[in-house]
Protein backbone atom coordinates (compact mmCIF):
# COMPACT_ATOMS: atom_id res chain seq x y z
CA MET A 1 50.74 -1.51 11.16
CA HIS A 2 48.89 1.66 10.08
CA ASP A 3 46.51 2.62 12.84
CA LYS A 4 45.90 6.14 11.54
CA GLU A 5 43.80 6.98 8.53
CA ASP A 6 45.69 8.29 5.50
CA ILE A 7 44.41 11.83 5.05
CA SER A 8 47.11 13.12 2.71
CA SER A 9 44.74 13.31 -0.26
CA THR A 10 42.19 15.38 1.65
CA ILE A 11 44.84 17.85 2.80
CA SER A 12 46.36 18.36 -0.64
CA ASP A 13 43.00 18.38 -2.47
CA PRO A 14 40.24 19.95 -0.39
CA GLY A 15 37.67 19.21 -3.09
CA PRO A 16 35.47 21.57 -5.06
CA ILE A 17 34.60 24.95 -3.66
CA TRP A 18 30.83 25.23 -3.76
CA ASP A 19 29.20 28.56 -4.34
CA CYS A 20 26.38 28.07 -1.89
CA GLU A 21 25.57 31.67 -1.09
CA PRO A 22 22.26 32.88 -2.58
CA LYS A 23 22.49 35.50 -5.27
CA TRP A 24 19.73 37.94 -4.36
CA ASP A 25 20.42 40.34 -7.21
CA MET A 26 19.58 37.77 -9.91
CA GLY A 27 16.14 36.61 -10.93
CA PRO A 28 15.23 32.95 -11.49
CA LYS A 29 16.55 31.28 -14.61
CA TRP A 30 13.62 29.66 -16.40
CA ASP A 31 14.09 26.92 -18.92
CA THR A 32 13.30 28.63 -22.21
CA GLU A 33 13.23 25.42 -24.20
CA PRO A 34 11.03 22.75 -22.59
CA THR A 35 11.94 19.13 -23.12
CA TRP A 36 8.32 18.10 -23.58
CA GLU A 37 5.87 18.87 -26.33
CA PRO A 38 2.53 20.27 -25.15
CA ASP A 39 0.86 19.27 -28.43
CA HIS A 40 1.76 15.60 -27.97
CA PRO A 41 0.97 14.45 -24.42
CA ILE A 42 1.84 10.97 -23.26
CA GLU A 43 -0.96 8.59 -24.18
CA LEU A 44 -1.52 5.37 -22.30
CA PRO A 45 -3.43 2.44 -23.78
CA GLY A 46 -7.12 2.22 -22.90
CA PRO A 47 -8.98 -0.76 -21.47
CA SER A 48 -8.10 -4.14 -22.90
CA GLU A 49 -9.90 -5.14 -26.07
CA ASP A 50 -10.99 -8.51 -24.67
CA ARG A 51 -13.31 -6.87 -22.15
CA GLU A 52 -17.01 -7.30 -22.80
CA ILE A 53 -18.31 -4.39 -24.82
CA GLY A 54 -21.49 -2.79 -23.59
CA ALA A 55 -21.12 -3.89 -19.96
CA PRO A 56 -20.71 -0.69 -17.96
CA MET A 57 -18.05 -0.79 -15.30
CA GLU A 58 -19.28 -0.06 -11.81
CA LEU A 59 -16.70 2.08 -10.04
CA VAL A 60 -18.58 2.35 -6.75
CA PRO A 61 -20.34 -0.70 -5.33
CA ASN A 62 -24.09 -0.75 -5.24
CA LEU A 63 -24.96 0.12 -1.65
CA ASP A 64 -28.42 -1.42 -2.01
CA GLU A 65 -26.97 -4.92 -2.32
CA LYS A 66 -27.01 -7.26 0.65
CA TRP A 67 -23.93 -6.99 2.79
CA VAL A 68 -22.52 -9.75 4.97
CA VAL A 69 -22.32 -8.32 8.49
CA ARG A 70 -19.74 -9.27 11.12
CA LYS A 71 -20.29 -7.72 14.54
CA GLY A 72 -18.04 -7.98 17.53
CA HIS A 73 -14.73 -6.87 18.94
CA PHE A 74 -11.82 -6.82 16.52
CA LEU A 75 -8.15 -6.32 17.26
CA GLY A 76 -7.60 -5.46 13.64
CA VAL A 77 -9.24 -5.28 10.24
CA LEU A 78 -6.79 -5.52 7.35
CA VAL A 79 -7.79 -4.91 3.73
CA CYS A 80 -5.19 -5.82 1.10
CA ASN A 81 -5.10 -5.74 -2.69
CA HIS A 82 -1.75 -7.55 -2.92
CA SER A 83 0.19 -9.97 -0.72
CA CYS A 84 1.63 -7.21 1.52
CA LYS A 85 5.08 -8.40 2.52
CA THR A 86 6.28 -7.10 5.85
CA VAL A 87 9.21 -4.74 6.34
CA GLN A 88 11.74 -7.55 6.72
CA SER A 89 10.69 -8.96 3.30
CA LEU A 90 11.10 -12.56 4.36
CA SER A 91 9.21 -14.97 2.13
CA SER A 92 7.16 -16.29 5.06
CA GLN A 93 6.08 -12.85 6.28
CA VAL A 94 3.11 -12.17 4.02
CA ILE A 95 -0.05 -10.66 5.47
CA ALA A 96 -2.44 -11.78 2.71
CA PRO A 97 -0.85 -14.80 1.00
CA LYS A 98 -3.77 -15.44 -1.39
CA ALA A 99 -3.97 -11.85 -2.64
CA THR A 100 -3.01 -10.85 -6.16
CA HIS A 101 -3.29 -7.39 -7.68
CA ASP A 102 -5.33 -8.53 -10.68
CA ASP A 103 -7.96 -10.88 -9.22
CA ASN A 104 -10.67 -8.17 -9.00
CA SER A 105 -11.11 -8.65 -5.29
CA LEU A 106 -9.83 -7.33 -1.98
CA ASP A 107 -8.52 -9.65 0.70
CA LEU A 108 -10.02 -9.00 4.12
CA LEU A 109 -8.44 -10.23 7.35
CA LEU A 110 -10.52 -9.93 10.49
CA VAL A 111 -8.52 -10.38 13.69
CA GLY A 112 -11.24 -10.92 16.25
CA GLY A 113 -11.19 -10.83 20.00
CA ARG A 114 -9.73 -8.65 22.71
CA GLY A 115 -6.50 -8.39 24.61
CA ARG A 116 -2.84 -7.82 24.07
CA TRP A 117 -1.96 -11.51 24.27
CA LYS A 118 -4.12 -12.36 21.26
CA LEU A 119 -2.64 -9.47 19.31
CA LEU A 120 0.90 -10.47 20.30
CA ARG A 121 0.20 -14.07 19.25
CA PHE A 122 -1.09 -12.82 15.89
CA PHE A 123 2.09 -10.80 15.28
CA ILE A 124 4.38 -13.65 16.33
CA LEU A 125 2.66 -16.12 14.03
CA LEU A 126 2.69 -13.51 11.26
CA GLN A 127 6.50 -13.63 11.44
CA PHE A 128 6.35 -17.33 10.53
CA GLY A 129 3.49 -17.09 8.03
CA ARG A 130 1.12 -19.07 10.28
CA HIS A 131 -1.23 -16.26 11.37
CA LEU A 132 -4.11 -17.60 9.26
CA SER A 133 -4.16 -20.77 11.37
CA LEU A 134 -5.38 -18.86 14.42
CA PRO A 135 -9.03 -19.58 15.26
CA TYR A 136 -9.83 -15.89 15.69
CA VAL A 137 -8.45 -14.82 12.27
CA GLU A 138 -10.88 -14.86 9.35
CA TYR A 139 -9.65 -14.49 5.76
CA VAL A 140 -12.21 -13.56 3.09
CA LYS A 141 -12.09 -12.31 -0.51
CA VAL A 142 -14.50 -9.38 -0.97
CA LYS A 143 -15.49 -6.71 -3.50
CA SER A 144 -16.09 -3.97 -0.90
CA VAL A 145 -15.72 -3.42 2.83
CA LYS A 146 -17.77 -1.04 4.95
CA LEU A 147 -16.50 -0.41 8.48
CA LYS A 148 -18.69 1.14 11.15
CA PRO A 149 -16.93 1.70 14.48
CA GLY A 150 -18.73 1.00 17.72
CA ALA A 151 -19.58 3.60 20.33
CA ASN A 152 -16.49 3.21 22.53
CA THR A 153 -13.79 2.57 19.95
CA HIS A 154 -10.66 4.40 18.86
CA ASN A 155 -10.93 6.46 15.71
CA GLY A 156 -7.46 5.71 14.31
CA CYS A 157 -7.03 4.05 10.94
CA GLY A 158 -3.70 3.07 9.39
CA ILE A 159 -3.63 3.48 5.62
CA ASP A 160 -0.41 2.26 4.02
CA GLY A 161 1.52 3.01 7.19
CA GLU A 162 0.01 6.46 7.78
CA LEU A 163 -2.19 6.93 10.83
CA CYS A 164 -5.38 8.84 10.01
CA ARG A 165 -8.26 9.92 12.20
CA VAL A 166 -11.57 8.62 10.93
CA LYS A 167 -15.00 9.81 11.97
CA GLY A 168 -17.96 7.71 10.93
CA GLN A 169 -17.89 4.76 8.59
CA VAL A 170 -15.29 3.81 6.00
CA LEU A 171 -16.10 2.31 2.61
CA CYS A 172 -13.24 0.55 0.83
CA SER A 173 -13.83 -0.65 -2.72
CA LEU A 174 -11.79 -1.94 -5.58
CA LEU A 175 -11.62 0.38 -8.57
CA PRO A 176 -11.08 -1.87 -11.60
CA GLU A 177 -8.50 -0.97 -14.23
CA GLN A 178 -7.38 2.22 -12.47
CA CYS A 179 -3.74 1.21 -12.66
CA ARG A 180 -1.69 -0.74 -15.15
CA LEU A 181 1.47 -2.43 -13.97
CA ILE A 182 4.22 -2.59 -16.52
CA GLY A 183 6.80 -5.33 -16.26
CA ARG A 184 7.33 -9.02 -16.59
CA GLN A 185 5.40 -11.71 -14.75
CA CYS A 186 6.69 -13.03 -11.45
CA ARG A 187 8.79 -16.15 -11.73
CA GLN A 188 7.30 -17.73 -8.65
CA SER A 189 4.14 -17.10 -6.73
CA ILE A 190 4.10 -16.57 -3.01
């Protein structure tokens, strides 16, 4: 019936006229009355009272401790501190299903082997939440991870979706009580 768009309102009312040209003869207008009080900064609560008193917190792991060493070819090394849902946010697409943000550990996934077919199989099974069933995927809870690349490896490292060049080794540790999440508990666990 009406195959043309009704544009009568846009013709009669062109909308506001914006003054978008810069005014070079005027200086900046500074807010003379700030909305914050410099004498009263925001204070966040300290560590919880139920923590053992006198036990110093170790922010950096002791490098003299014995480390468990895994050598070999890896298609991927994933370190997670939460369940890490994928972009599609389907309930089955969780990279580290046993990870929680408050368990004082990191979840390490080692995707061993070589070849595009193994990597493709890992990604396909990740879509269905069955990637941990692969024989070349190892899932471990750790306190720290130290990565030393081999001689003929790529030096790219993806950190939260950003690709970074890395030279030398990488040390990834959990820093306890560096962040407090405010909100209600989840209704269901993943």
